[in-house]
Amino acid sequence: MYDENAKGLFSRMLALPKDDPKRLEFEEQLWLVGDLWECAYYLSVVMDRNHILLSSAEILENLCSFVVARASEDARIFFRNADLSDVQFFSTILRAAFWQWRGIVPPRKGKKQRDAIEMLIRHPDWSDSEIAEAVGTTLKQLSRNVDFSCLRGLQHREWKRT
């Protein structure tokens, strides 16, 4: 899944102290490596386990446990037919958990999008209208939230990629 050089780099960064300048610089540039890598790093940090070294199945299992613990048992529905490429749709909540771990106040920009995703994983049975009302946004704005739309699609996916 990940090449050996990347595994080594991520492992070295995770082993550094939380406030090490090299680690902080790495984390500032993390978005450049892509959603899957970014999510694996955030999951590693918030669960205190190096996910870069784990199999795809273990990453999905741990992500499911993290999401269920953060939201509700109902959130398992998103993992029914998920595969590793779907991890990216959880980047919003992983990033928020990482910010919390770091003690960073999340930016105001994107708050409604983050809130909508949190609401969806807590209440997957709610309609989009109910979620939009709960977070103070519109259905049109909600439809522009790519991660929200993809999670909603994942929730209703009846097949698994092979």
Protein backbone atom coordinates (compact mmCIF):
# COMPACT_ATOMS: atom_id res chain seq x y z
CA MET A 1 0.00 0.00 0.00
CA TYR A 2 2.69 2.52 0.97
CA ASP A 3 6.23 2.49 -0.37
CA GLU A 4 9.08 1.76 2.03
CA ASN A 5 10.58 5.28 1.92
CA ALA A 6 7.25 6.82 2.91
CA LYS A 7 6.74 4.25 5.66
CA GLY A 8 10.15 5.13 7.05
CA LEU A 9 9.54 8.88 6.92
CA PHE A 10 6.11 8.65 8.55
CA SER A 11 7.43 6.30 11.23
CA ARG A 12 10.32 8.66 12.02
CA MET A 13 7.96 11.65 12.28
CA LEU A 14 5.56 9.77 14.57
CA ALA A 15 8.48 8.79 16.81
CA LEU A 16 9.55 12.41 17.32
CA PRO A 17 8.24 14.35 20.32
CA LYS A 18 4.97 16.19 19.73
CA ASP A 19 6.65 19.63 19.69
CA ASP A 20 9.78 18.73 17.70
CA PRO A 21 10.33 21.36 14.96
CA LYS A 22 10.87 18.68 12.27
CA ARG A 23 7.58 17.02 13.16
CA LEU A 24 5.73 20.35 13.22
CA GLU A 25 7.12 21.25 9.79
CA PHE A 26 6.14 17.82 8.46
CA GLU A 27 2.59 18.24 9.80
CA GLU A 28 2.25 21.68 8.20
CA GLN A 29 3.03 20.16 4.80
CA LEU A 30 1.08 16.95 5.28
CA TRP A 31 -1.79 18.03 3.05
CA LEU A 32 0.61 17.81 0.10
CA VAL A 33 0.88 14.02 0.28
CA GLY A 34 -2.78 13.28 -0.41
CA ASP A 35 -5.86 12.36 1.57
CA LEU A 36 -5.05 8.71 2.17
CA TRP A 37 -1.62 9.46 3.63
CA GLU A 38 -2.95 12.42 5.58
CA CYS A 39 -5.73 10.31 7.07
CA ALA A 40 -3.35 7.50 7.97
CA TYR A 41 -1.10 10.00 9.77
CA TYR A 42 -3.98 11.63 11.67
CA LEU A 43 -5.38 8.23 12.63
CA SER A 44 -1.91 7.22 13.82
CA VAL A 45 -1.66 10.31 16.01
CA VAL A 46 -5.14 10.21 17.55
CA MET A 47 -5.03 6.45 18.17
CA ASP A 48 -1.34 6.42 19.20
CA ARG A 49 -0.49 3.63 16.77
CA ASN A 50 1.46 3.76 13.50
CA HIS A 51 -1.16 2.99 10.86
CA ILE A 52 1.32 3.32 8.00
CA LEU A 53 2.64 -0.12 9.00
CA LEU A 54 -0.78 -1.79 9.16
CA SER A 55 -2.74 -3.68 6.52
CA SER A 56 -5.69 -2.07 4.74
CA ALA A 57 -8.11 -4.21 6.74
CA GLU A 58 -6.55 -3.12 10.04
CA ILE A 59 -6.68 0.55 9.05
CA LEU A 60 -10.37 0.27 8.16
CA GLU A 61 -11.13 -1.62 11.36
CA ASN A 62 -9.36 1.00 13.50
CA LEU A 63 -10.98 3.87 11.61
CA CYS A 64 -14.38 2.28 12.20
CA SER A 65 -13.62 1.94 15.92
CA PHE A 66 -12.50 5.58 16.06
CA VAL A 67 -15.60 6.88 14.26
CA VAL A 68 -18.00 4.74 16.30
CA ALA A 69 -16.37 5.91 19.56
CA ARG A 70 -16.61 9.54 18.41
CA ALA A 71 -20.16 9.32 17.07
CA SER A 72 -22.37 6.33 17.73
CA GLU A 73 -22.76 2.64 17.04
CA ASP A 74 -24.95 3.65 14.07
CA ALA A 75 -21.83 4.94 12.30
CA ARG A 76 -20.83 1.35 11.47
CA ILE A 77 -23.10 1.61 8.44
CA PHE A 78 -20.42 3.67 6.67
CA PHE A 79 -17.98 0.77 6.88
CA ARG A 80 -20.31 -1.97 5.67
CA ASN A 81 -18.90 -1.89 2.13
CA ALA A 82 -15.96 0.47 2.57
CA ASP A 83 -12.46 -0.08 1.31
CA LEU A 84 -9.22 1.79 1.84
CA SER A 85 -9.93 4.37 -0.86
CA ASP A 86 -12.97 5.49 1.17
CA VAL A 87 -10.79 6.53 4.13
CA GLN A 88 -10.39 9.97 2.54
CA PHE A 89 -14.06 10.79 3.21
CA PHE A 90 -13.30 10.76 6.93
CA SER A 91 -10.47 13.29 6.60
CA THR A 92 -12.64 16.07 8.02
CA ILE A 93 -13.28 14.32 11.33
CA LEU A 94 -9.73 12.96 11.54
CA ARG A 95 -8.32 16.44 10.99
CA ALA A 96 -10.64 17.85 13.69
CA ALA A 97 -9.49 15.15 16.13
CA PHE A 98 -5.87 15.94 15.23
CA TRP A 99 -6.44 19.66 15.87
CA GLN A 100 -7.93 18.78 19.24
CA TRP A 101 -4.92 16.56 20.04
CA ARG A 102 -2.60 19.43 19.02
CA GLY A 103 -4.60 21.99 21.01
CA ILE A 104 -5.39 23.96 17.85
CA VAL A 105 -8.64 25.88 17.59
CA PRO A 106 -10.24 24.81 14.29
CA PRO A 107 -10.62 27.56 11.71
CA ARG A 108 -14.06 29.14 11.40
CA LYS A 109 -13.95 28.51 7.67
CA GLY A 110 -15.43 25.09 7.01
CA LYS A 111 -17.17 24.83 10.41
CA LYS A 112 -20.60 24.09 8.94
CA GLN A 113 -19.10 21.46 6.65
CA ARG A 114 -17.37 19.79 9.62
CA ASP A 115 -20.53 20.02 11.70
CA ALA A 116 -22.60 18.46 8.90
CA ILE A 117 -20.23 15.49 8.64
CA GLU A 118 -20.21 15.04 12.43
CA MET A 119 -24.02 15.17 12.43
CA LEU A 120 -24.23 12.64 9.60
CA ILE A 121 -22.03 10.09 11.35
CA ARG A 122 -23.91 10.61 14.62
CA HIS A 123 -27.33 10.38 12.97
CA PRO A 124 -27.08 8.48 9.67
CA ASP A 125 -30.86 8.02 9.73
CA TRP A 126 -31.50 11.78 9.53
CA SER A 127 -32.45 13.33 6.21
CA ASP A 128 -30.24 15.92 4.56
CA SER A 129 -32.89 18.51 5.42
CA GLU A 130 -32.71 17.62 9.11
CA ILE A 131 -28.91 17.83 9.09
CA ALA A 132 -28.92 21.15 7.22
CA GLU A 133 -31.34 22.59 9.74
CA ALA A 134 -29.36 21.26 12.70
CA VAL A 135 -26.10 22.87 11.53
CA GLY A 136 -27.66 26.08 10.23
CA THR A 137 -27.00 25.66 6.52
CA THR A 138 -28.98 25.05 3.35
CA LEU A 139 -29.47 21.90 1.28
CA LYS A 140 -27.65 23.62 -1.58
CA GLN A 141 -24.61 24.28 0.61
CA LEU A 142 -24.78 20.76 1.99
CA SER A 143 -24.77 19.34 -1.55
CA ARG A 144 -21.50 21.21 -2.20
CA ASN A 145 -19.83 19.44 0.72
CA VAL A 146 -17.95 16.71 -1.15
CA ASP A 147 -17.05 14.58 1.90
CA PHE A 148 -20.66 14.75 3.14
CA SER A 149 -22.02 13.66 -0.25
CA CYS A 150 -19.48 10.85 -0.53
CA LEU A 151 -20.24 9.61 2.98
CA ARG A 152 -23.96 9.66 2.19
CA GLY A 153 -23.20 7.60 -0.93
CA LEU A 154 -21.02 5.21 1.05
CA GLN A 155 -23.83 4.79 3.56
CA HIS A 156 -26.14 3.54 0.79
CA ARG A 157 -23.57 1.57 -1.21
CA GLU A 158 -24.79 -1.95 -1.74
CA TRP A 159 -21.58 -3.31 -3.22
CA LYS A 160 -17.93 -3.56 -2.35
CA ARG A 161 -15.10 -2.80 -4.74
CA THR A 162 -13.07 -5.83 -5.72
